[in-house]
């Protein structure tokens, strides 16, 4: 749309006469007429801003320029966050999972788990899972899951008497053992194994459903 048409259409939409607009802008009625006819193509910057204010529009619109894109904030929610790192190595003690701070995460990062109140966020420390989760990554853990919901090979966070680790889970029913296996390029990391008869203090914190990756 031409500048002259933009001026005229917005003036008429407000029900203003040329004289009323001229008085608001501080120019003559003839000047408004010449703007609307296109006779005056170059407008002073001060006149553009005054005219935009009189017509309740932006200066960009007066000049027929594209309006700046207004970025809407992404839909997001808050989640509990464990400040201490869970170990991607041997079992390591961290503080209890109570009275945790909250952090805001966009829904797009958590996908189908977005806004799930059972999600717990944790930083990871160590190299025992570096094939899939790098040192310093943030993981999202779905808590309140039962053992039958966990499949062999799933990545889980477990606790043993206050010590926590993140590993791949395997249930060896033949030998009656729970195996927590590293997934690392460093072959020095070994399985952590609990027999069925010796896992009274073992707790399943949850299943890892998201981890961030920095390229």
N, C-alpha and C. Protein backbone atom coordinates (compact mmCIF):
# COMPACT_ATOMS: atom_id res chain seq x y z
N UNK A 1 0.85 -1.19 0.00
CA UNK A 1 0.00 0.00 0.00
C UNK A 1 0.89 1.24 0.00
N UNK A 2 0.53 2.26 -0.79
CA UNK A 2 1.27 3.50 -0.85
C UNK A 2 1.11 4.30 0.43
N UNK A 3 2.14 5.15 0.69
CA UNK A 3 2.11 5.96 1.90
C UNK A 3 0.86 6.84 1.92
N UNK A 4 0.51 7.43 0.79
CA UNK A 4 -0.66 8.32 0.75
C UNK A 4 -1.94 7.59 1.11
N UNK A 5 -2.04 6.34 0.66
CA UNK A 5 -3.24 5.54 0.97
C UNK A 5 -3.27 5.15 2.44
N UNK A 6 -2.09 4.86 2.99
CA UNK A 6 -2.02 4.50 4.41
C UNK A 6 -2.50 5.67 5.27
N UNK A 7 -2.05 6.88 4.92
CA UNK A 7 -2.45 8.06 5.69
C UNK A 7 -3.95 8.27 5.58
N UNK A 8 -4.47 8.24 4.38
CA UNK A 8 -5.89 8.50 4.16
C UNK A 8 -6.77 7.45 4.84
N UNK A 9 -6.44 6.18 4.67
CA UNK A 9 -7.28 5.12 5.22
C UNK A 9 -7.31 5.15 6.74
N UNK A 10 -6.17 5.42 7.35
CA UNK A 10 -6.13 5.46 8.81
C UNK A 10 -6.82 6.70 9.35
N UNK A 11 -6.73 7.82 8.62
CA UNK A 11 -7.46 9.02 9.04
C UNK A 11 -8.96 8.79 9.00
N UNK A 12 -9.42 8.21 7.90
CA UNK A 12 -10.86 7.97 7.76
C UNK A 12 -11.35 6.93 8.77
N UNK A 13 -10.49 5.94 9.07
CA UNK A 13 -10.88 4.91 10.03
C UNK A 13 -11.09 5.51 11.42
N UNK A 14 -10.38 6.59 11.71
CA UNK A 14 -10.54 7.27 13.00
C UNK A 14 -11.62 8.34 12.96
N UNK A 15 -12.16 8.59 11.79
CA UNK A 15 -13.21 9.61 11.64
C UNK A 15 -12.70 11.02 11.79
N UNK A 16 -11.45 11.23 11.38
CA UNK A 16 -10.84 12.56 11.50
C UNK A 16 -10.87 13.30 10.18
N UNK A 17 -11.03 14.62 10.26
CA UNK A 17 -10.92 15.45 9.07
C UNK A 17 -9.45 15.79 8.85
N UNK A 18 -9.14 16.29 7.65
CA UNK A 18 -7.77 16.70 7.38
C UNK A 18 -7.33 17.80 8.33
N UNK A 19 -8.26 18.72 8.64
CA UNK A 19 -7.91 19.83 9.53
C UNK A 19 -7.60 19.32 10.94
N UNK A 20 -8.38 18.34 11.41
CA UNK A 20 -8.14 17.80 12.75
C UNK A 20 -6.76 17.13 12.83
N UNK A 21 -6.42 16.40 11.75
CA UNK A 21 -5.10 15.78 11.72
C UNK A 21 -4.01 16.84 11.64
N UNK A 22 -4.24 17.86 10.82
CA UNK A 22 -3.26 18.93 10.67
C UNK A 22 -2.98 19.61 12.00
N UNK A 23 -4.06 19.86 12.79
CA UNK A 23 -3.89 20.50 14.09
C UNK A 23 -3.07 19.62 15.04
N UNK A 24 -3.28 18.32 14.98
CA UNK A 24 -2.54 17.39 15.84
C UNK A 24 -1.06 17.34 15.46
N UNK A 25 -0.80 17.39 14.15
CA UNK A 25 0.57 17.25 13.67
C UNK A 25 1.32 18.58 13.72
N UNK A 26 0.56 19.69 13.63
CA UNK A 26 1.20 21.01 13.63
C UNK A 26 1.59 21.46 12.24
N UNK A 27 0.81 21.06 11.25
CA UNK A 27 1.03 21.50 9.87
C UNK A 27 -0.28 22.05 9.33
N UNK A 28 -0.24 22.55 8.11
CA UNK A 28 -1.45 23.09 7.53
C UNK A 28 -2.32 21.98 6.96
N UNK A 29 -3.61 22.31 6.79
CA UNK A 29 -4.53 21.33 6.18
C UNK A 29 -4.08 21.01 4.76
N UNK A 30 -3.52 21.99 4.08
CA UNK A 30 -3.06 21.79 2.70
C UNK A 30 -1.93 20.76 2.66
N UNK A 31 -1.10 20.78 3.70
CA UNK A 31 0.00 19.81 3.74
C UNK A 31 -0.54 18.38 3.87
N UNK A 32 -1.56 18.22 4.71
CA UNK A 32 -2.17 16.89 4.86
C UNK A 32 -2.75 16.44 3.52
N UNK A 33 -3.41 17.39 2.83
CA UNK A 33 -4.00 17.07 1.53
C UNK A 33 -2.91 16.64 0.54
N UNK A 34 -1.81 17.34 0.54
CA UNK A 34 -0.72 17.01 -0.38
C UNK A 34 -0.08 15.66 -0.02
N UNK A 35 -0.03 15.31 1.29
CA UNK A 35 0.47 13.99 1.68
C UNK A 35 -0.46 12.90 1.16
N UNK A 36 -1.74 13.13 1.30
CA UNK A 36 -2.71 12.12 0.89
C UNK A 36 -2.82 11.99 -0.62
N UNK A 37 -2.46 13.04 -1.34
CA UNK A 37 -2.49 12.97 -2.81
C UNK A 37 -1.18 12.42 -3.37
N UNK A 38 -0.18 12.35 -2.52
CA UNK A 38 1.12 11.88 -2.97
C UNK A 38 1.98 12.96 -3.56
N UNK A 39 1.52 14.19 -3.44
CA UNK A 39 2.27 15.31 -4.03
C UNK A 39 3.58 15.53 -3.28
N UNK A 40 3.53 15.31 -1.96
CA UNK A 40 4.74 15.40 -1.17
C UNK A 40 5.17 13.97 -0.82
N UNK A 41 6.26 13.54 -1.41
CA UNK A 41 6.69 12.15 -1.21
C UNK A 41 7.65 12.03 -0.03
N UNK A 42 8.45 13.08 0.19
CA UNK A 42 9.45 13.03 1.26
C UNK A 42 8.96 13.79 2.48
N UNK A 43 8.78 13.07 3.58
CA UNK A 43 8.30 13.68 4.81
C UNK A 43 9.44 13.77 5.80
N UNK A 44 9.46 14.88 6.56
CA UNK A 44 10.47 15.02 7.59
C UNK A 44 10.24 14.00 8.70
N UNK A 45 11.33 13.60 9.33
CA UNK A 45 11.22 12.57 10.39
C UNK A 45 10.27 13.02 11.50
N UNK A 46 10.38 14.30 11.90
CA UNK A 46 9.50 14.80 12.95
C UNK A 46 8.04 14.72 12.55
N UNK A 47 7.76 15.01 11.27
CA UNK A 47 6.38 14.97 10.79
C UNK A 47 5.87 13.54 10.77
N UNK A 48 6.74 12.60 10.41
CA UNK A 48 6.33 11.18 10.38
C UNK A 48 5.90 10.72 11.77
N UNK A 49 6.71 11.06 12.78
CA UNK A 49 6.39 10.62 14.14
C UNK A 49 5.13 11.31 14.66
N UNK A 50 4.97 12.58 14.35
CA UNK A 50 3.78 13.31 14.80
C UNK A 50 2.53 12.77 14.12
N UNK A 51 2.64 12.48 12.83
CA UNK A 51 1.50 11.94 12.09
C UNK A 51 1.15 10.55 12.59
N UNK A 52 2.16 9.74 12.88
CA UNK A 52 1.90 8.40 13.39
C UNK A 52 1.16 8.47 14.72
N UNK A 53 1.55 9.42 15.57
CA UNK A 53 0.88 9.58 16.85
C UNK A 53 -0.56 10.04 16.65
N UNK A 54 -0.77 10.95 15.71
CA UNK A 54 -2.12 11.46 15.45
C UNK A 54 -3.04 10.37 14.93
N UNK A 55 -2.47 9.43 14.16
CA UNK A 55 -3.29 8.37 13.55
C UNK A 55 -3.26 7.08 14.36
N UNK A 56 -2.57 7.13 15.52
CA UNK A 56 -2.51 5.95 16.42
C UNK A 56 -1.91 4.73 15.74
N UNK A 57 -0.88 4.95 14.95
CA UNK A 57 -0.17 3.86 14.29
C UNK A 57 1.32 4.07 14.47
N UNK A 58 2.11 3.10 14.04
CA UNK A 58 3.57 3.22 14.21
C UNK A 58 4.16 4.00 13.04
N UNK A 59 5.30 4.66 13.26
CA UNK A 59 5.99 5.34 12.16
C UNK A 59 6.33 4.39 11.02
N UNK A 60 6.64 3.14 11.36
CA UNK A 60 6.95 2.16 10.31
C UNK A 60 5.77 1.99 9.36
N UNK A 61 4.58 1.95 9.93
CA UNK A 61 3.39 1.78 9.08
C UNK A 61 3.17 2.99 8.20
N UNK A 62 3.44 4.17 8.72
CA UNK A 62 3.31 5.38 7.92
C UNK A 62 4.14 5.28 6.65
N UNK A 63 5.36 4.76 6.80
CA UNK A 63 6.27 4.67 5.67
C UNK A 63 6.09 3.41 4.85
N UNK A 64 5.14 2.56 5.27
CA UNK A 64 4.89 1.34 4.52
C UNK A 64 5.94 0.27 4.75
N UNK A 65 6.72 0.41 5.84
CA UNK A 65 7.74 -0.58 6.15
C UNK A 65 7.11 -1.72 6.94
N UNK A 66 7.74 -2.87 6.89
CA UNK A 66 7.27 -4.01 7.67
C UNK A 66 7.39 -3.71 9.15
N UNK A 67 6.39 -4.14 9.89
CA UNK A 67 6.43 -3.99 11.33
C UNK A 67 7.47 -4.95 11.90
N UNK A 68 8.21 -4.55 12.92
CA UNK A 68 9.16 -5.48 13.55
C UNK A 68 8.43 -6.68 14.13
N UNK A 69 9.03 -7.83 13.97
CA UNK A 69 8.41 -9.05 14.47
C UNK A 69 8.46 -9.06 15.99
N UNK A 70 7.33 -9.30 16.61
CA UNK A 70 7.27 -9.39 18.05
C UNK A 70 7.34 -10.86 18.43
N UNK A 71 8.44 -11.25 19.03
CA UNK A 71 8.63 -12.64 19.39
C UNK A 71 7.87 -12.97 20.66
N UNK A 72 6.99 -13.92 20.55
CA UNK A 72 6.24 -14.35 21.71
C UNK A 72 7.11 -15.31 22.53
N UNK A 73 6.97 -15.21 23.83
CA UNK A 73 7.72 -16.13 24.68
C UNK A 73 7.20 -17.55 24.47
N UNK A 74 8.10 -18.50 24.51
CA UNK A 74 7.72 -19.88 24.30
C UNK A 74 6.90 -20.39 25.47
N UNK A 75 5.88 -21.22 25.21
CA UNK A 75 5.15 -21.84 26.32
C UNK A 75 6.11 -22.66 27.18
N UNK A 76 6.02 -22.51 28.47
CA UNK A 76 6.96 -23.17 29.35
C UNK A 76 6.31 -23.47 30.69
N UNK A 77 7.03 -24.22 31.52
CA UNK A 77 6.54 -24.56 32.85
C UNK A 77 7.74 -24.69 33.78
N UNK A 78 7.49 -24.77 35.08
CA UNK A 78 8.56 -24.90 36.05
C UNK A 78 8.68 -26.34 36.52
N UNK A 79 9.92 -26.71 36.83
CA UNK A 79 10.22 -28.08 37.26
C UNK A 79 11.20 -28.05 38.42
N UNK A 80 11.14 -29.08 39.25
CA UNK A 80 12.10 -29.21 40.35
C UNK A 80 13.49 -29.49 39.78
N UNK A 81 14.48 -28.89 40.41
CA UNK A 81 15.85 -29.00 39.93
C UNK A 81 16.78 -29.38 41.07
N UNK A 82 17.58 -30.43 40.86
CA UNK A 82 18.56 -30.86 41.86
C UNK A 82 19.86 -30.11 41.59
N UNK A 83 20.27 -29.19 42.46
CA UNK A 83 21.49 -28.40 42.19
C UNK A 83 22.76 -29.25 42.11
N UNK A 84 22.83 -30.33 42.90
CA UNK A 84 24.02 -31.18 42.88
C UNK A 84 23.95 -32.16 41.72
N UNK A 85 25.12 -32.59 41.25
CA UNK A 85 25.18 -33.48 40.08
C UNK A 85 24.98 -34.92 40.48
N UNK A 86 24.17 -35.64 39.69
CA UNK A 86 24.07 -37.08 39.84
C UNK A 86 25.23 -37.71 39.09
N UNK A 87 25.79 -38.77 39.64
CA UNK A 87 27.02 -39.32 39.10
C UNK A 87 26.79 -40.21 37.89
N UNK A 88 27.51 -39.91 36.80
CA UNK A 88 27.61 -40.85 35.70
C UNK A 88 28.93 -41.58 35.89
N UNK A 89 29.00 -42.27 37.02
CA UNK A 89 30.20 -42.98 37.42
C UNK A 89 29.80 -43.91 38.54
N UNK A 90 30.55 -43.95 39.60
CA UNK A 90 30.15 -44.75 40.75
C UNK A 90 29.08 -44.00 41.52
N UNK A 91 28.45 -44.69 42.46
CA UNK A 91 27.44 -44.05 43.27
C UNK A 91 28.04 -42.91 44.07
N UNK A 92 27.39 -41.77 44.06
CA UNK A 92 27.90 -40.58 44.73
C UNK A 92 26.79 -39.94 45.55
N UNK A 93 27.13 -39.49 46.72
CA UNK A 93 26.14 -38.88 47.61
C UNK A 93 25.79 -37.48 47.14
N UNK A 94 24.49 -37.18 47.08
CA UNK A 94 24.03 -35.81 46.87
C UNK A 94 22.99 -35.50 47.93
N UNK A 95 22.63 -34.25 48.04
CA UNK A 95 21.67 -33.85 49.06
C UNK A 95 20.30 -34.45 48.76
N UNK A 96 19.49 -34.54 49.80
CA UNK A 96 18.16 -35.12 49.65
C UNK A 96 17.31 -34.37 48.64
N UNK A 97 16.33 -35.07 48.07
CA UNK A 97 15.50 -34.50 47.02
C UNK A 97 14.26 -33.83 47.61
N UNK A 98 14.48 -32.92 48.56
CA UNK A 98 13.37 -32.18 49.16
C UNK A 98 13.69 -30.69 49.12
N UNK A 99 12.62 -29.89 49.14
CA UNK A 99 12.77 -28.42 49.12
C UNK A 99 13.68 -27.97 47.98
N UNK A 100 13.40 -28.48 46.79
CA UNK A 100 14.24 -28.18 45.63
C UNK A 100 13.84 -26.86 44.98
N UNK A 101 14.79 -26.15 44.40
CA UNK A 101 14.45 -24.94 43.63
C UNK A 101 13.73 -25.31 42.34
N UNK A 102 13.09 -24.32 41.74
CA UNK A 102 12.36 -24.53 40.49
C UNK A 102 13.08 -23.81 39.35
N UNK A 103 13.07 -24.43 38.18
CA UNK A 103 13.60 -23.80 36.98
C UNK A 103 12.54 -23.86 35.89
N UNK A 104 12.62 -22.92 34.96
CA UNK A 104 11.65 -22.85 33.86
C UNK A 104 12.24 -23.46 32.60
N UNK A 105 11.47 -24.33 31.96
CA UNK A 105 11.92 -25.02 30.75
C UNK A 105 10.82 -24.91 29.69
N UNK A 106 11.17 -24.53 28.45
CA UNK A 106 10.16 -24.47 27.38
C UNK A 106 9.55 -25.84 27.11
N UNK A 107 8.27 -25.87 26.80
CA UNK A 107 7.57 -27.12 26.52
C UNK A 107 8.22 -27.90 25.40
N UNK A 108 8.76 -27.19 24.40
CA UNK A 108 9.31 -27.86 23.24
C UNK A 108 10.51 -28.73 23.60
N UNK A 109 11.20 -28.43 24.71
CA UNK A 109 12.36 -29.22 25.08
C UNK A 109 11.97 -30.56 25.68
N UNK A 110 10.80 -30.61 26.31
CA UNK A 110 10.39 -31.84 26.98
C UNK A 110 9.37 -32.64 26.19
N UNK A 111 8.91 -32.09 25.07
CA UNK A 111 8.00 -32.85 24.21
C UNK A 111 6.77 -33.34 24.94
N UNK A 112 6.50 -34.63 24.85
CA UNK A 112 5.27 -35.18 25.45
C UNK A 112 5.33 -35.21 26.98
N UNK A 113 6.49 -34.93 27.54
CA UNK A 113 6.60 -34.88 29.00
C UNK A 113 6.47 -33.46 29.54
N UNK A 114 6.21 -32.50 28.66
CA UNK A 114 6.05 -31.12 29.09
C UNK A 114 4.90 -31.00 30.08
N UNK A 115 5.12 -30.23 31.13
CA UNK A 115 4.13 -29.93 32.18
C UNK A 115 3.79 -31.14 33.05
N UNK A 116 4.58 -32.19 32.93
CA UNK A 116 4.41 -33.35 33.80
C UNK A 116 5.03 -33.03 35.16
N UNK A 117 4.23 -33.03 36.20
CA UNK A 117 4.69 -32.64 37.52
C UNK A 117 5.60 -33.68 38.17
N UNK A 118 5.76 -34.83 37.52
CA UNK A 118 6.67 -35.85 38.04
C UNK A 118 8.06 -35.76 37.43
N UNK A 119 8.29 -34.70 36.66
CA UNK A 119 9.61 -34.51 36.04
C UNK A 119 10.55 -33.82 37.03
N UNK A 120 11.75 -34.37 37.14
CA UNK A 120 12.80 -33.82 37.98
C UNK A 120 14.03 -33.58 37.11
N UNK A 121 14.63 -32.41 37.21
CA UNK A 121 15.81 -32.08 36.41
C UNK A 121 17.08 -32.22 37.25
N UNK A 122 18.10 -32.81 36.63
CA UNK A 122 19.37 -33.04 37.32
C UNK A 122 20.54 -32.78 36.39
N UNK A 123 21.63 -32.19 36.88
CA UNK A 123 22.86 -32.16 36.09
C UNK A 123 23.60 -33.49 36.27
N UNK A 124 24.38 -33.87 35.27
CA UNK A 124 25.13 -35.13 35.29
C UNK A 124 26.62 -34.84 35.35
N UNK A 125 27.31 -35.59 36.18
CA UNK A 125 28.75 -35.42 36.33
C UNK A 125 29.46 -36.74 36.08
N UNK A 126 30.44 -36.75 35.19
CA UNK A 126 31.20 -37.97 34.96
C UNK A 126 31.11 -38.44 33.52
N UNK A 127 31.89 -39.47 33.21
CA UNK A 127 32.05 -39.93 31.84
C UNK A 127 31.49 -41.34 31.59
N UNK A 128 30.85 -41.95 32.58
CA UNK A 128 30.44 -43.35 32.41
C UNK A 128 29.26 -43.51 31.46
N UNK A 129 28.61 -42.39 31.08
CA UNK A 129 27.50 -42.46 30.12
C UNK A 129 27.78 -41.59 28.91
N UNK A 130 29.06 -41.32 28.63
CA UNK A 130 29.39 -40.31 27.62
C UNK A 130 29.05 -40.70 26.19
N UNK A 131 28.68 -41.96 25.95
CA UNK A 131 28.21 -42.32 24.60
C UNK A 131 26.84 -41.71 24.30
N UNK A 132 26.10 -41.40 25.36
CA UNK A 132 24.76 -40.83 25.17
C UNK A 132 24.55 -39.54 25.94
N UNK A 133 25.16 -39.41 27.11
CA UNK A 133 24.97 -38.23 27.95
C UNK A 133 26.34 -37.68 28.32
N UNK A 134 26.64 -36.48 27.88
CA UNK A 134 27.96 -35.93 28.13
C UNK A 134 28.05 -35.35 29.54
N UNK A 135 29.26 -35.25 30.03
CA UNK A 135 29.53 -34.67 31.33
C UNK A 135 29.01 -33.23 31.36
N UNK A 136 28.21 -32.91 32.39
CA UNK A 136 27.65 -31.57 32.52
C UNK A 136 26.28 -31.40 31.90
N UNK A 137 25.76 -32.44 31.25
CA UNK A 137 24.44 -32.36 30.63
C UNK A 137 23.35 -32.28 31.70
N UNK A 138 22.19 -31.80 31.29
CA UNK A 138 21.01 -31.79 32.15
C UNK A 138 20.09 -32.90 31.70
N UNK A 139 19.63 -33.71 32.64
CA UNK A 139 18.69 -34.78 32.32
C UNK A 139 17.34 -34.49 32.95
N UNK A 140 16.28 -34.96 32.29
CA UNK A 140 14.93 -34.91 32.85
C UNK A 140 14.57 -36.32 33.26
N UNK A 141 14.21 -36.48 34.52
CA UNK A 141 13.92 -37.79 35.08
C UNK A 141 12.43 -37.87 35.41
N UNK A 142 11.77 -38.88 34.85
CA UNK A 142 10.35 -39.10 35.16
C UNK A 142 10.28 -39.94 36.42
N UNK A 143 9.86 -39.31 37.51
CA UNK A 143 9.78 -40.00 38.79
C UNK A 143 8.43 -40.71 38.94
N UNK A 144 8.29 -41.43 40.03
CA UNK A 144 7.06 -42.17 40.36
C UNK A 144 6.73 -43.20 39.29
N UNK A 145 7.76 -43.84 38.76
CA UNK A 145 7.56 -44.96 37.84
C UNK A 145 7.84 -46.24 38.60
N UNK A 146 7.12 -47.29 38.24
CA UNK A 146 7.29 -48.58 38.90
C UNK A 146 8.25 -49.45 38.09
N UNK A 147 8.85 -50.43 38.78
CA UNK A 147 9.82 -51.31 38.14
C UNK A 147 9.27 -51.99 36.87
N UNK A 148 8.02 -52.46 36.85
CA UNK A 148 7.51 -53.08 35.63
C UNK A 148 7.47 -52.14 34.42
N UNK A 149 7.53 -50.83 34.67
CA UNK A 149 7.50 -49.85 33.58
C UNK A 149 8.88 -49.62 32.96
N UNK A 150 9.91 -50.17 33.59
CA UNK A 150 11.28 -49.99 33.12
C UNK A 150 11.70 -51.19 32.28
N UNK A 151 12.21 -50.94 31.09
CA UNK A 151 12.68 -52.00 30.21
C UNK A 151 14.19 -52.09 30.25
N UNK A 152 14.69 -53.28 29.94
CA UNK A 152 16.14 -53.45 29.85
C UNK A 152 16.73 -52.47 28.84
N UNK A 153 17.77 -51.78 29.23
CA UNK A 153 18.40 -50.80 28.36
C UNK A 153 17.95 -49.38 28.63
N UNK A 154 16.84 -49.18 29.37
CA UNK A 154 16.41 -47.83 29.72
C UNK A 154 17.47 -47.18 30.61
N UNK A 155 17.59 -45.86 30.49
CA UNK A 155 18.50 -45.11 31.35
C UNK A 155 17.72 -44.66 32.58
N UNK A 156 18.26 -44.96 33.75
CA UNK A 156 17.56 -44.66 35.00
C UNK A 156 18.49 -43.95 35.96
N UNK A 157 17.89 -43.31 36.96
CA UNK A 157 18.62 -42.79 38.11
C UNK A 157 18.20 -43.62 39.31
N UNK A 158 19.19 -44.16 40.03
CA UNK A 158 18.89 -44.97 41.21
C UNK A 158 19.64 -44.41 42.41
N UNK A 159 19.11 -44.73 43.58
CA UNK A 159 19.71 -44.29 44.83
C UNK A 159 19.95 -45.51 45.70
N UNK A 160 21.08 -45.52 46.39
CA UNK A 160 21.39 -46.57 47.35
C UNK A 160 21.92 -45.91 48.62
N UNK A 161 21.04 -45.84 49.62
CA UNK A 161 21.40 -45.23 50.90
C UNK A 161 21.90 -43.79 50.74
N UNK A 162 21.24 -43.02 49.86
CA UNK A 162 21.59 -41.62 49.68
C UNK A 162 22.59 -41.35 48.59
N UNK A 163 23.15 -42.42 48.00
CA UNK A 163 24.08 -42.26 46.88
C UNK A 163 23.31 -42.45 45.57
N UNK A 164 23.64 -41.62 44.57
CA UNK A 164 22.89 -41.62 43.32
C UNK A 164 23.79 -41.89 42.12
N UNK A 165 23.23 -42.52 41.11
CA UNK A 165 23.95 -42.69 39.86
C UNK A 165 22.95 -42.81 38.71
N UNK A 166 23.45 -42.53 37.49
CA UNK A 166 22.64 -42.69 36.29
C UNK A 166 23.31 -43.74 35.42
N UNK A 167 22.54 -44.75 35.02
CA UNK A 167 23.07 -45.88 34.25
C UNK A 167 21.95 -46.50 33.41
N UNK A 168 22.35 -47.42 32.53
CA UNK A 168 21.37 -48.26 31.83
C UNK A 168 20.95 -49.40 32.75
N UNK A 169 19.66 -49.68 32.75
CA UNK A 169 19.10 -50.69 33.65
C UNK A 169 18.93 -52.03 32.95
N UNK A 170 19.31 -53.09 33.65
CA UNK A 170 19.05 -54.45 33.16
C UNK A 170 18.59 -55.30 34.35
N UNK A 171 17.54 -56.06 34.14
CA UNK A 171 17.02 -56.97 35.16
C UNK A 171 17.38 -58.39 34.74
N UNK A 172 18.41 -58.93 35.37
CA UNK A 172 18.88 -60.29 35.05
C UNK A 172 18.11 -61.28 35.92
N UNK A 173 16.99 -61.73 35.41
CA UNK A 173 16.14 -62.62 36.19
C UNK A 173 16.78 -63.98 36.40
N UNK A 174 17.59 -64.41 35.45
CA UNK A 174 18.23 -65.72 35.58
C UNK A 174 19.16 -65.77 36.79
N UNK A 175 19.94 -64.70 36.97
CA UNK A 175 20.87 -64.65 38.09
C UNK A 175 20.33 -63.82 39.25
N UNK A 176 19.09 -63.35 39.10
CA UNK A 176 18.41 -62.59 40.14
C UNK A 176 19.25 -61.38 40.58
N UNK A 177 19.55 -60.57 39.58
CA UNK A 177 20.37 -59.39 39.83
C UNK A 177 19.82 -58.19 39.06
N UNK A 178 19.96 -57.03 39.68
CA UNK A 178 19.72 -55.76 38.98
C UNK A 178 21.09 -55.23 38.57
N UNK A 179 21.24 -54.94 37.29
CA UNK A 179 22.52 -54.47 36.76
C UNK A 179 22.36 -53.04 36.26
N UNK A 180 23.27 -52.18 36.69
CA UNK A 180 23.28 -50.79 36.24
C UNK A 180 24.58 -50.60 35.48
N UNK A 181 24.43 -50.48 34.16
CA UNK A 181 25.57 -50.59 33.25
C UNK A 181 25.95 -49.25 32.64
N UNK A 182 27.23 -48.92 32.64
CA UNK A 182 27.69 -47.70 31.96
C UNK A 182 27.55 -47.82 30.45
N UNK A 183 27.51 -46.68 29.80
CA UNK A 183 27.48 -46.64 28.33
C UNK A 183 28.53 -45.60 27.93
N UNK A 184 29.79 -46.05 27.94
CA UNK A 184 30.90 -45.10 27.86
C UNK A 184 31.98 -45.58 26.90
N UNK A 185 32.71 -44.60 26.37
CA UNK A 185 33.88 -44.92 25.56
C UNK A 185 35.06 -45.31 26.44
N UNK A 186 34.94 -45.07 27.74
CA UNK A 186 35.99 -45.44 28.70
C UNK A 186 35.64 -46.80 29.29
N UNK A 187 36.38 -47.81 28.91
CA UNK A 187 36.07 -49.18 29.30
C UNK A 187 36.41 -49.48 30.76
N UNK A 188 36.98 -48.53 31.47
CA UNK A 188 37.31 -48.77 32.88
C UNK A 188 36.08 -48.75 33.77
N UNK A 189 34.99 -48.17 33.28
CA UNK A 189 33.76 -48.16 34.08
C UNK A 189 33.13 -49.55 34.05
N UNK A 190 32.71 -50.03 35.22
CA UNK A 190 32.17 -51.36 35.35
C UNK A 190 30.71 -51.33 35.78
N UNK A 191 30.05 -52.47 35.60
CA UNK A 191 28.67 -52.61 36.03
C UNK A 191 28.56 -52.44 37.55
N UNK A 192 27.44 -51.86 37.98
CA UNK A 192 27.09 -51.84 39.40
C UNK A 192 25.96 -52.85 39.56
N UNK A 193 26.17 -53.85 40.41
CA UNK A 193 25.25 -54.99 40.48
C UNK A 193 24.70 -55.13 41.89
N UNK A 194 23.40 -55.34 41.96
CA UNK A 194 22.74 -55.63 43.23
C UNK A 194 21.96 -56.93 43.07
N UNK A 195 22.17 -57.85 43.97
CA UNK A 195 21.37 -59.08 43.96
C UNK A 195 19.98 -58.78 44.50
N UNK A 196 19.02 -59.60 44.13
CA UNK A 196 17.67 -59.43 44.64
C UNK A 196 17.65 -59.44 46.16
N UNK A 197 18.56 -60.20 46.78
CA UNK A 197 18.59 -60.35 48.23
C UNK A 197 19.33 -59.22 48.93
N UNK A 198 19.94 -58.35 48.16
CA UNK A 198 20.76 -57.30 48.76
C UNK A 198 20.45 -55.93 48.16
N UNK A 199 19.17 -55.65 48.05
CA UNK A 199 18.77 -54.36 47.44
C UNK A 199 17.72 -53.63 48.27
N UNK A 200 17.75 -53.89 49.60
CA UNK A 200 16.76 -53.25 50.46
C UNK A 200 16.84 -51.72 50.41
N UNK A 201 18.07 -51.21 50.29
CA UNK A 201 18.26 -49.75 50.29
C UNK A 201 18.28 -49.16 48.88
N UNK A 202 18.08 -50.00 47.88
CA UNK A 202 18.11 -49.53 46.49
C UNK A 202 16.76 -48.93 46.12
N UNK A 203 16.77 -47.71 45.59
CA UNK A 203 15.54 -47.04 45.19
C UNK A 203 15.65 -46.56 43.75
N UNK A 204 14.59 -46.75 43.02
CA UNK A 204 14.51 -46.24 41.65
C UNK A 204 13.98 -44.82 41.70
N UNK A 205 14.85 -43.85 41.42
CA UNK A 205 14.43 -42.45 41.42
C UNK A 205 13.53 -42.17 40.23
N UNK A 206 13.93 -42.69 39.06
CA UNK A 206 13.09 -42.49 37.89
C UNK A 206 13.81 -42.85 36.60
N UNK A 207 13.09 -42.69 35.52
CA UNK A 207 13.59 -43.00 34.19
C UNK A 207 13.98 -41.71 33.47
N UNK A 208 15.15 -41.72 32.86
CA UNK A 208 15.61 -40.55 32.10
C UNK A 208 14.84 -40.47 30.79
N UNK A 209 14.13 -39.36 30.59
CA UNK A 209 13.31 -39.20 29.39
C UNK A 209 13.81 -38.10 28.47
N UNK A 210 14.79 -37.31 28.93
CA UNK A 210 15.35 -36.27 28.10
C UNK A 210 16.73 -35.93 28.61
N UNK A 211 17.67 -35.65 27.70
CA UNK A 211 18.95 -35.09 28.08
C UNK A 211 19.37 -34.12 27.00
N UNK A 212 20.00 -33.03 27.42
CA UNK A 212 20.43 -32.04 26.43
C UNK A 212 21.78 -32.41 25.88
N UNK A 213 22.01 -32.07 24.63
CA UNK A 213 23.27 -32.37 23.96
C UNK A 213 23.79 -31.09 23.35
N UNK A 214 25.03 -30.75 23.61
CA UNK A 214 25.67 -29.59 23.02
C UNK A 214 26.64 -30.02 21.96
N UNK A 215 26.46 -29.54 20.73
CA UNK A 215 27.33 -29.92 19.63
C UNK A 215 28.48 -28.91 19.50
